Amino acid sequence: MNQFTESHLKGWKKDYKDLIQGKRLRLINEDIWMLGKTKGVICFFSDDEIAYICLSKSIFQTLSDISSIKKNNELIKLILKYD
């Protein structure tokens, strides 16, 4: 299998760097509520590597669903499938 490198990103390299070097918040209620009903990219990291990434129409709602383990959330479905 080929190793992923930044050269694979081409025109997306700046966006990728902004994502991995940007501000990170913990998945706790105090951090979730302030994100509000804004759309954007949610990214979970494991040892500084991207473990999961998704586009959300409401960052607050998506993170709330993940935090409360709502089974209709795609990440929770994935975890439950392989856990």
PDB file of N, CA and C in Angstrom:
ATOM      1  N   MET A   1       0.844  -1.174   0.000  1.00  0.00           N
ATOM      2  CA  MET A   1       0.000   0.000   0.000  1.00  0.00           C
ATOM      3  C   MET A   1       0.892   1.240   0.000  1.00  0.00           C
ATOM      4  N   ASN A   2       0.526   2.251  -0.776  1.00  0.00           N
ATOM      5  CA  ASN A   2       1.305   3.479  -0.855  1.00  0.00           C
ATOM      6  C   ASN A   2       1.133   4.315   0.403  1.00  0.00           C
ATOM      7  N   GLN A   3       2.206   4.942   0.822  1.00  0.00           N
ATOM      8  CA  GLN A   3       2.188   5.852   1.967  1.00  0.00           C
ATOM      9  C   GLN A   3       1.603   7.187   1.520  1.00  0.00           C
ATOM     10  N   PHE A   4       0.686   7.747   2.313  1.00  0.00           N
ATOM     11  CA  PHE A   4       0.122   9.055   2.013  1.00  0.00           C
ATOM     12  C   PHE A   4       1.161  10.126   2.314  1.00  0.00           C
ATOM     13  N   THR A   5       1.357  11.043   1.388  1.00  0.00           N
ATOM     14  CA  THR A   5       2.256  12.178   1.608  1.00  0.00           C
ATOM     15  C   THR A   5       1.544  13.456   1.195  1.00  0.00           C
ATOM     16  N   GLU A   6       2.101  14.592   1.592  1.00  0.00           N
ATOM     17  CA  GLU A   6       1.495  15.876   1.241  1.00  0.00           C
ATOM     18  C   GLU A   6       1.455  16.112  -0.264  1.00  0.00           C
ATOM     19  N   SER A   7       2.311  15.459  -1.011  1.00  0.00           N
ATOM     20  CA  SER A   7       2.301  15.636  -2.469  1.00  0.00           C
ATOM     21  C   SER A   7       1.002  15.114  -3.089  1.00  0.00           C
ATOM     22  N   HIS A   8       0.310  14.215  -2.404  1.00  0.00           N
ATOM     23  CA  HIS A   8      -0.979  13.720  -2.888  1.00  0.00           C
ATOM     24  C   HIS A   8      -2.061  14.805  -2.833  1.00  0.00           C
ATOM     25  N   LEU A   9      -1.857  15.819  -2.031  1.00  0.00           N
ATOM     26  CA  LEU A   9      -2.875  16.843  -1.813  1.00  0.00           C
ATOM     27  C   LEU A   9      -2.971  17.863  -2.934  1.00  0.00           C
ATOM     28  N   LYS A  10      -1.887  18.077  -3.630  1.00  0.00           N
ATOM     29  CA  LYS A  10      -1.825  19.061  -4.720  1.00  0.00           C
ATOM     30  C   LYS A  10      -2.359  20.418  -4.256  1.00  0.00           C
ATOM     31  N   GLY A  11      -3.457  20.894  -4.813  1.00  0.00           N
ATOM     32  CA  GLY A  11      -4.016  22.199  -4.479  1.00  0.00           C
ATOM     33  C   GLY A  11      -4.634  22.296  -3.098  1.00  0.00           C
ATOM     34  N   TRP A  12      -4.807  21.179  -2.429  1.00  0.00           N
ATOM     35  CA  TRP A  12      -5.415  21.156  -1.096  1.00  0.00           C
ATOM     36  C   TRP A  12      -4.377  21.217   0.017  1.00  0.00           C
ATOM     37  N   LYS A  13      -3.113  21.356  -0.331  1.00  0.00           N
ATOM     38  CA  LYS A  13      -2.039  21.296   0.671  1.00  0.00           C
ATOM     39  C   LYS A  13      -2.198  22.370   1.756  1.00  0.00           C
ATOM     40  N   LYS A  14      -2.511  23.612   1.382  1.00  0.00           N
ATOM     41  CA  LYS A  14      -2.668  24.680   2.369  1.00  0.00           C
ATOM     42  C   LYS A  14      -3.825  24.378   3.315  1.00  0.00           C
ATOM     43  N   ASP A  15      -4.955  23.925   2.770  1.00  0.00           N
ATOM     44  CA  ASP A  15      -6.106  23.588   3.617  1.00  0.00           C
ATOM     45  C   ASP A  15      -5.757  22.471   4.593  1.00  0.00           C
ATOM     46  N   TYR A  16      -5.027  21.490   4.116  1.00  0.00           N
ATOM     47  CA  TYR A  16      -4.609  20.373   4.962  1.00  0.00           C
ATOM     48  C   TYR A  16      -3.704  20.863   6.091  1.00  0.00           C
ATOM     49  N   LYS A  17      -2.740  21.710   5.757  1.00  0.00           N
ATOM     50  CA  LYS A  17      -1.827  22.243   6.778  1.00  0.00           C
ATOM     51  C   LYS A  17      -2.594  23.079   7.800  1.00  0.00           C
ATOM     52  N   ASP A  18      -3.551  23.893   7.338  1.00  0.00           N
ATOM     53  CA  ASP A  18      -4.373  24.680   8.264  1.00  0.00           C
ATOM     54  C   ASP A  18      -5.135  23.762   9.218  1.00  0.00           C
ATOM     55  N   LEU A  19      -5.629  22.657   8.691  1.00  0.00           N
ATOM     56  CA  LEU A  19      -6.398  21.715   9.504  1.00  0.00           C
ATOM     57  C   LEU A  19      -5.530  21.049  10.563  1.00  0.00           C
ATOM     58  N   ILE A  20      -4.393  20.534  10.168  1.00  0.00           N
ATOM     59  CA  ILE A  20      -3.581  19.791  11.138  1.00  0.00           C
ATOM     60  C   ILE A  20      -2.801  20.702  12.080  1.00  0.00           C
ATOM     61  N   GLN A  21      -2.631  21.975  11.706  1.00  0.00           N
ATOM     62  CA  GLN A  21      -1.897  22.893  12.576  1.00  0.00           C
ATOM     63  C   GLN A  21      -2.812  23.887  13.277  1.00  0.00           C
ATOM     64  N   GLY A  22      -4.111  23.781  13.040  1.00  0.00           N
ATOM     65  CA  GLY A  22      -5.062  24.720  13.618  1.00  0.00           C
ATOM     66  C   GLY A  22      -5.380  24.433  15.074  1.00  0.00           C
ATOM     67  N   LYS A  23      -6.284  25.238  15.607  1.00  0.00           N
ATOM     68  CA  LYS A  23      -6.691  25.106  17.004  1.00  0.00           C
ATOM     69  C   LYS A  23      -7.440  23.797  17.209  1.00  0.00           C
ATOM     70  N   ARG A  24      -7.153  23.139  18.324  1.00  0.00           N
ATOM     71  CA  ARG A  24      -7.825  21.885  18.663  1.00  0.00           C
ATOM     72  C   ARG A  24      -8.566  22.052  19.975  1.00  0.00           C
ATOM     73  N   LEU A  25      -9.746  21.488  20.030  1.00  0.00           N
ATOM     74  CA  LEU A  25     -10.564  21.534  21.238  1.00  0.00           C
ATOM     75  C   LEU A  25     -10.857  20.121  21.701  1.00  0.00           C
ATOM     76  N   ARG A  26     -11.010  19.964  23.001  1.00  0.00           N
ATOM     77  CA  ARG A  26     -11.386  18.656  23.536  1.00  0.00           C
ATOM     78  C   ARG A  26     -12.887  18.455  23.362  1.00  0.00           C
ATOM     79  N   LEU A  27     -13.310  17.218  23.286  1.00  0.00           N
ATOM     80  CA  LEU A  27     -14.722  16.890  23.094  1.00  0.00           C
ATOM     81  C   LEU A  27     -15.428  16.901  24.451  1.00  0.00           C
ATOM     82  N   ILE A  28     -15.629  18.110  24.984  1.00  0.00           N
ATOM     83  CA  ILE A  28     -16.347  18.299  26.241  1.00  0.00           C
ATOM     84  C   ILE A  28     -17.413  19.361  26.016  1.00  0.00           C
ATOM     85  N   ASN A  29     -18.465  19.325  26.825  1.00  0.00           N
ATOM     86  CA  ASN A  29     -19.597  20.236  26.630  1.00  0.00           C
ATOM     87  C   ASN A  29     -19.184  21.705  26.608  1.00  0.00           C
ATOM     88  N   GLU A  30     -18.225  22.097  27.446  1.00  0.00           N
ATOM     89  CA  GLU A  30     -17.795  23.494  27.496  1.00  0.00           C
ATOM     90  C   GLU A  30     -17.193  23.954  26.165  1.00  0.00           C
ATOM     91  N   ASP A  31     -16.554  23.062  25.444  1.00  0.00           N
ATOM     92  CA  ASP A  31     -15.984  23.416  24.138  1.00  0.00           C
ATOM     93  C   ASP A  31     -17.002  23.278  23.014  1.00  0.00           C
ATOM     94  N   ILE A  32     -17.937  22.344  23.150  1.00  0.00           N
ATOM     95  CA  ILE A  32     -18.902  22.062  22.085  1.00  0.00           C
ATOM     96  C   ILE A  32     -19.904  23.192  21.904  1.00  0.00           C
ATOM     97  N   TRP A  33     -20.488  23.687  22.985  1.00  0.00           N
ATOM     98  CA  TRP A  33     -21.586  24.649  22.862  1.00  0.00           C
ATOM     99  C   TRP A  33     -21.161  25.932  22.159  1.00  0.00           C
ATOM    100  N   MET A  34     -19.904  26.361  22.349  1.00  0.00           N
ATOM    101  CA  MET A  34     -19.478  27.636  21.765  1.00  0.00           C
ATOM    102  C   MET A  34     -19.292  27.571  20.249  1.00  0.00           C
ATOM    103  N   LEU A  35     -19.261  26.364  19.675  1.00  0.00           N
ATOM    104  CA  LEU A  35     -19.093  26.231  18.229  1.00  0.00           C
ATOM    105  C   LEU A  35     -20.373  26.551  17.473  1.00  0.00           C
ATOM    106  N   GLY A  36     -21.505  26.395  18.143  1.00  0.00           N
ATOM    107  CA  GLY A  36     -22.773  26.810  17.577  1.00  0.00           C
ATOM    108  C   GLY A  36     -23.202  26.044  16.342  1.00  0.00           C
ATOM    109  N   LYS A  37     -24.256  26.577  15.698  1.00  0.00           N
ATOM    110  CA  LYS A  37     -24.822  25.929  14.515  1.00  0.00           C
ATOM    111  C   LYS A  37     -24.114  26.451  13.265  1.00  0.00           C
ATOM    112  N   THR A  38     -22.824  26.176  13.204  1.00  0.00           N
ATOM    113  CA  THR A  38     -22.046  26.570  12.037  1.00  0.00           C
ATOM    114  C   THR A  38     -21.638  25.319  11.277  1.00  0.00           C
ATOM    115  N   LYS A  39     -21.463  25.463   9.979  1.00  0.00           N
ATOM    116  CA  LYS A  39     -21.007  24.305   9.210  1.00  0.00           C
ATOM    117  C   LYS A  39     -19.491  24.342   9.138  1.00  0.00           C
ATOM    118  N   GLY A  40     -18.905  23.176   8.951  1.00  0.00           N
ATOM    119  CA  GLY A  40     -17.459  23.115   8.855  1.00  0.00           C
ATOM    120  C   GLY A  40     -16.945  21.694   8.918  1.00  0.00           C
ATOM    121  N   VAL A  41     -15.635  21.584   9.006  1.00  0.00           N
ATOM    122  CA  VAL A  41     -14.971  20.284   9.034  1.00  0.00           C
ATOM    123  C   VAL A  41     -14.678  19.908  10.483  1.00  0.00           C
ATOM    124  N   ILE A  42     -14.985  18.660  10.821  1.00  0.00           N
ATOM    125  CA  ILE A  42     -14.653  18.107  12.133  1.00  0.00           C
ATOM    126  C   ILE A  42     -13.589  17.051  11.903  1.00  0.00           C
ATOM    127  N   CYS A  43     -12.561  17.114  12.700  1.00  0.00           N
ATOM    128  CA  CYS A  43     -11.447  16.194  12.530  1.00  0.00           C
ATOM    129  C   CYS A  43     -11.015  15.683  13.899  1.00  0.00           C
ATOM    130  N   PHE A  44     -10.907  14.366  14.035  1.00  0.00           N
ATOM    131  CA  PHE A  44     -10.414  13.760  15.267  1.00  0.00           C
ATOM    132  C   PHE A  44      -9.000  13.261  15.016  1.00  0.00           C
ATOM    133  N   PHE A  45      -8.150  13.471  16.002  1.00  0.00           N
ATOM    134  CA  PHE A  45      -6.747  13.093  15.888  1.00  0.00           C
ATOM    135  C   PHE A  45      -6.405  11.980  16.866  1.00  0.00           C
ATOM    136  N   SER A  46      -5.464  11.157  16.487  1.00  0.00           N
ATOM    137  CA  SER A  46      -4.881  10.136  17.348  1.00  0.00           C
ATOM    138  C   SER A  46      -3.370  10.219  17.162  1.00  0.00           C
ATOM    139  N   ASP A  47      -2.669  10.596  18.221  1.00  0.00           N
ATOM    140  CA  ASP A  47      -1.210  10.754  18.143  1.00  0.00           C
ATOM    141  C   ASP A  47      -0.800  11.657  16.983  1.00  0.00           C
ATOM    142  N   ASP A  48      -1.447  12.803  16.873  1.00  0.00           N
ATOM    143  CA  ASP A  48      -1.161  13.812  15.842  1.00  0.00           C
ATOM    144  C   ASP A  48      -1.428  13.357  14.412  1.00  0.00           C
ATOM    145  N   GLU A  49      -2.109  12.243  14.239  1.00  0.00           N
ATOM    146  CA  GLU A  49      -2.527  11.781  12.912  1.00  0.00           C
ATOM    147  C   GLU A  49      -4.047  11.888  12.828  1.00  0.00           C
ATOM    148  N   ILE A  50      -4.557  12.233  11.659  1.00  0.00           N
ATOM    149  CA  ILE A  50      -6.006  12.307  11.478  1.00  0.00           C
ATOM    150  C   ILE A  50      -6.583  10.898  11.546  1.00  0.00           C
ATOM    151  N   ALA A  51      -7.525  10.703  12.472  1.00  0.00           N
ATOM    152  CA  ALA A  51      -8.163   9.402  12.631  1.00  0.00           C
ATOM    153  C   ALA A  51      -9.554   9.385  11.999  1.00  0.00           C
ATOM    154  N   TYR A  52     -10.218  10.533  11.955  1.00  0.00           N
ATOM    155  CA  TYR A  52     -11.564  10.619  11.389  1.00  0.00           C
ATOM    156  C   TYR A  52     -11.791  12.062  10.964  1.00  0.00           C
ATOM    157  N   ILE A  53     -12.438  12.244   9.820  1.00  0.00           N
ATOM    158  CA  ILE A  53     -12.740  13.586   9.331  1.00  0.00           C
ATOM    159  C   ILE A  53     -14.112  13.566   8.674  1.00  0.00           C
ATOM    160  N   CYS A  54     -14.890  14.639   8.892  1.00  0.00           N
ATOM    161  CA  CYS A  54     -16.211  14.718   8.257  1.00  0.00           C
ATOM    162  C   CYS A  54     -16.599  16.180   8.069  1.00  0.00           C
ATOM    163  N   LEU A  55     -17.517  16.406   7.161  1.00  0.00           N
ATOM    164  CA  LEU A  55     -18.107  17.719   6.949  1.00  0.00           C
ATOM    165  C   LEU A  55     -19.427  17.740   7.701  1.00  0.00           C
ATOM    166  N   SER A  56     -19.691  18.818   8.405  1.00  0.00           N
ATOM    167  CA  SER A  56     -20.901  18.899   9.214  1.00  0.00           C
ATOM    168  C   SER A  56     -21.691  20.157   8.879  1.00  0.00           C
ATOM    169  N   LYS A  57     -23.014  20.030   8.817  1.00  0.00           N
ATOM    170  CA  LYS A  57     -23.885  21.192   8.614  1.00  0.00           C
ATOM    171  C   LYS A  57     -24.058  21.966   9.917  1.00  0.00           C
ATOM    172  N   SER A  58     -23.925  21.279  11.055  1.00  0.00           N
ATOM    173  CA  SER A  58     -24.005  21.902  12.374  1.00  0.00           C
ATOM    174  C   SER A  58     -22.953  21.249  13.263  1.00  0.00           C
ATOM    175  N   ILE A  59     -21.838  21.941  13.445  1.00  0.00           N
ATOM    176  CA  ILE A  59     -20.758  21.380  14.255  1.00  0.00           C
ATOM    177  C   ILE A  59     -21.261  21.052  15.657  1.00  0.00           C
ATOM    178  N   PHE A  60     -22.027  21.969  16.255  1.00  0.00           N
ATOM    179  CA  PHE A  60     -22.565  21.732  17.596  1.00  0.00           C
ATOM    180  C   PHE A  60     -23.385  20.453  17.647  1.00  0.00           C
ATOM    181  N   GLN A  61     -24.310  20.287  16.700  1.00  0.00           N
ATOM    182  CA  GLN A  61     -25.190  19.112  16.719  1.00  0.00           C
ATOM    183  C   GLN A  61     -24.407  17.819  16.501  1.00  0.00           C
ATOM    184  N   THR A  62     -23.498  17.821  15.548  1.00  0.00           N
ATOM    185  CA  THR A  62     -22.702  16.622  15.273  1.00  0.00           C
ATOM    186  C   THR A  62     -21.864  16.231  16.481  1.00  0.00           C
ATOM    187  N   LEU A  63     -21.177  17.199  17.093  1.00  0.00           N
ATOM    188  CA  LEU A  63     -20.352  16.893  18.262  1.00  0.00           C
ATOM    189  C   LEU A  63     -21.198  16.492  19.466  1.00  0.00           C
ATOM    190  N   SER A  64     -22.379  17.096  19.599  1.00  0.00           N
ATOM    191  CA  SER A  64     -23.288  16.701  20.683  1.00  0.00           C
ATOM    192  C   SER A  64     -23.735  15.258  20.505  1.00  0.00           C
ATOM    193  N   ASP A  65     -24.050  14.879  19.270  1.00  0.00           N
ATOM    194  CA  ASP A  65     -24.455  13.499  18.984  1.00  0.00           C
ATOM    195  C   ASP A  65     -23.323  12.519  19.298  1.00  0.00           C
ATOM    196  N   ILE A  66     -22.109  12.884  18.936  1.00  0.00           N
ATOM    197  CA  ILE A  66     -20.962  12.016  19.216  1.00  0.00           C
ATOM    198  C   ILE A  66     -20.735  11.919  20.721  1.00  0.00           C
ATOM    199  N   SER A  67     -20.781  13.057  21.397  1.00  0.00           N
ATOM    200  CA  SER A  67     -20.533  13.096  22.837  1.00  0.00           C
ATOM    201  C   SER A  67     -21.560  12.287  23.620  1.00  0.00           C
ATOM    202  N   SER A  68     -22.812  12.321  23.181  1.00  0.00           N
ATOM    203  CA  SER A  68     -23.866  11.589  23.890  1.00  0.00           C
ATOM    204  C   SER A  68     -24.101  10.198  23.302  1.00  0.00           C
ATOM    205  N   ILE A  69     -23.233   9.774  22.397  1.00  0.00           N
ATOM    206  CA  ILE A  69     -23.257   8.445  21.760  1.00  0.00           C
ATOM    207  C   ILE A  69     -24.613   8.152  21.107  1.00  0.00           C
ATOM    208  N   LYS A  70     -25.079   9.082  20.280  1.00  0.00           N
ATOM    209  CA  LYS A  70     -26.312   8.854  19.518  1.00  0.00           C
ATOM    210  C   LYS A  70     -25.996   7.917  18.366  1.00  0.00           C
ATOM    211  N   LYS A  71     -26.741   6.851  18.278  1.00  0.00           N
ATOM    212  CA  LYS A  71     -26.424   5.783  17.322  1.00  0.00           C
ATOM    213  C   LYS A  71     -26.705   6.137  15.866  1.00  0.00           C
ATOM    214  N   ASN A  72     -27.316   7.290  15.594  1.00  0.00           N
ATOM    215  CA  ASN A  72     -27.546   7.693  14.203  1.00  0.00           C
ATOM    216  C   ASN A  72     -26.361   8.481  13.637  1.00  0.00           C
ATOM    217  N   ASN A  73     -25.351   8.750  14.452  1.00  0.00           N
ATOM    218  CA  ASN A  73     -24.163   9.473  14.002  1.00  0.00           C
ATOM    219  C   ASN A  73     -23.213   8.516  13.285  1.00  0.00           C
ATOM    220  N   GLU A  74     -22.641   8.951  12.160  1.00  0.00           N
ATOM    221  CA  GLU A  74     -21.787   8.078  11.339  1.00  0.00           C
ATOM    222  C   GLU A  74     -20.554   7.572  12.090  1.00  0.00           C
ATOM    223  N   LEU A  75     -19.914   8.427  12.889  1.00  0.00           N
ATOM    224  CA  LEU A  75     -18.736   7.989  13.641  1.00  0.00           C
ATOM    225  C   LEU A  75     -19.126   6.952  14.687  1.00  0.00           C
ATOM    226  N   ILE A  76     -20.229   7.171  15.377  1.00  0.00           N
ATOM    227  CA  ILE A  76     -20.686   6.211  16.393  1.00  0.00           C
ATOM    228  C   ILE A  76     -21.033   4.883  15.726  1.00  0.00           C
ATOM    229  N   LYS A  77     -21.689   4.918  14.563  1.00  0.00           N
ATOM    230  CA  LYS A  77     -21.994   3.678  13.828  1.00  0.00           C
ATOM    231  C   LYS A  77     -20.713   2.920  13.495  1.00  0.00           C
ATOM    232  N   LEU A  78     -19.698   3.649  13.055  1.00  0.00           N
ATOM    233  CA  LEU A  78     -18.418   3.040  12.701  1.00  0.00           C
ATOM    234  C   LEU A  78     -17.753   2.413  13.926  1.00  0.00           C
ATOM    235  N   ILE A  79     -17.752   3.127  15.034  1.00  0.00           N
ATOM    236  CA  ILE A  79     -17.156   2.601  16.267  1.00  0.00           C
ATOM    237  C   ILE A  79     -17.903   1.365  16.734  1.00  0.00           C
ATOM    238  N   LEU A  80     -19.228   1.422  16.746  1.00  0.00           N
ATOM    239  CA  LEU A  80     -20.029   0.286  17.207  1.00  0.00           C
ATOM    240  C   LEU A  80     -19.858  -0.928  16.299  1.00  0.00           C
ATOM    241  N   LYS A  81     -19.663  -0.683  15.020  1.00  0.00           N
ATOM    242  CA  LYS A  81     -19.495  -1.779  14.068  1.00  0.00           C
ATOM    243  C   LYS A  81     -18.217  -2.563  14.340  1.00  0.00           C
ATOM    244  N   TYR A  82     -17.147  -1.864  14.699  1.00  0.00           N
ATOM    245  CA  TYR A  82     -15.846  -2.516  14.868  1.00  0.00           C
ATOM    246  C   TYR A  82     -15.435  -2.712  16.320  1.00  0.00           C
ATOM    247  N   ASP A  83     -16.265  -2.297  17.254  1.00  0.00           N
ATOM    248  CA  ASP A  83     -15.926  -2.440  18.670  1.00  0.00           C
ATOM    249  C   ASP A  83     -16.303  -3.808  19.195  1.00  0.00           C
TER     250      ASP A  83
END
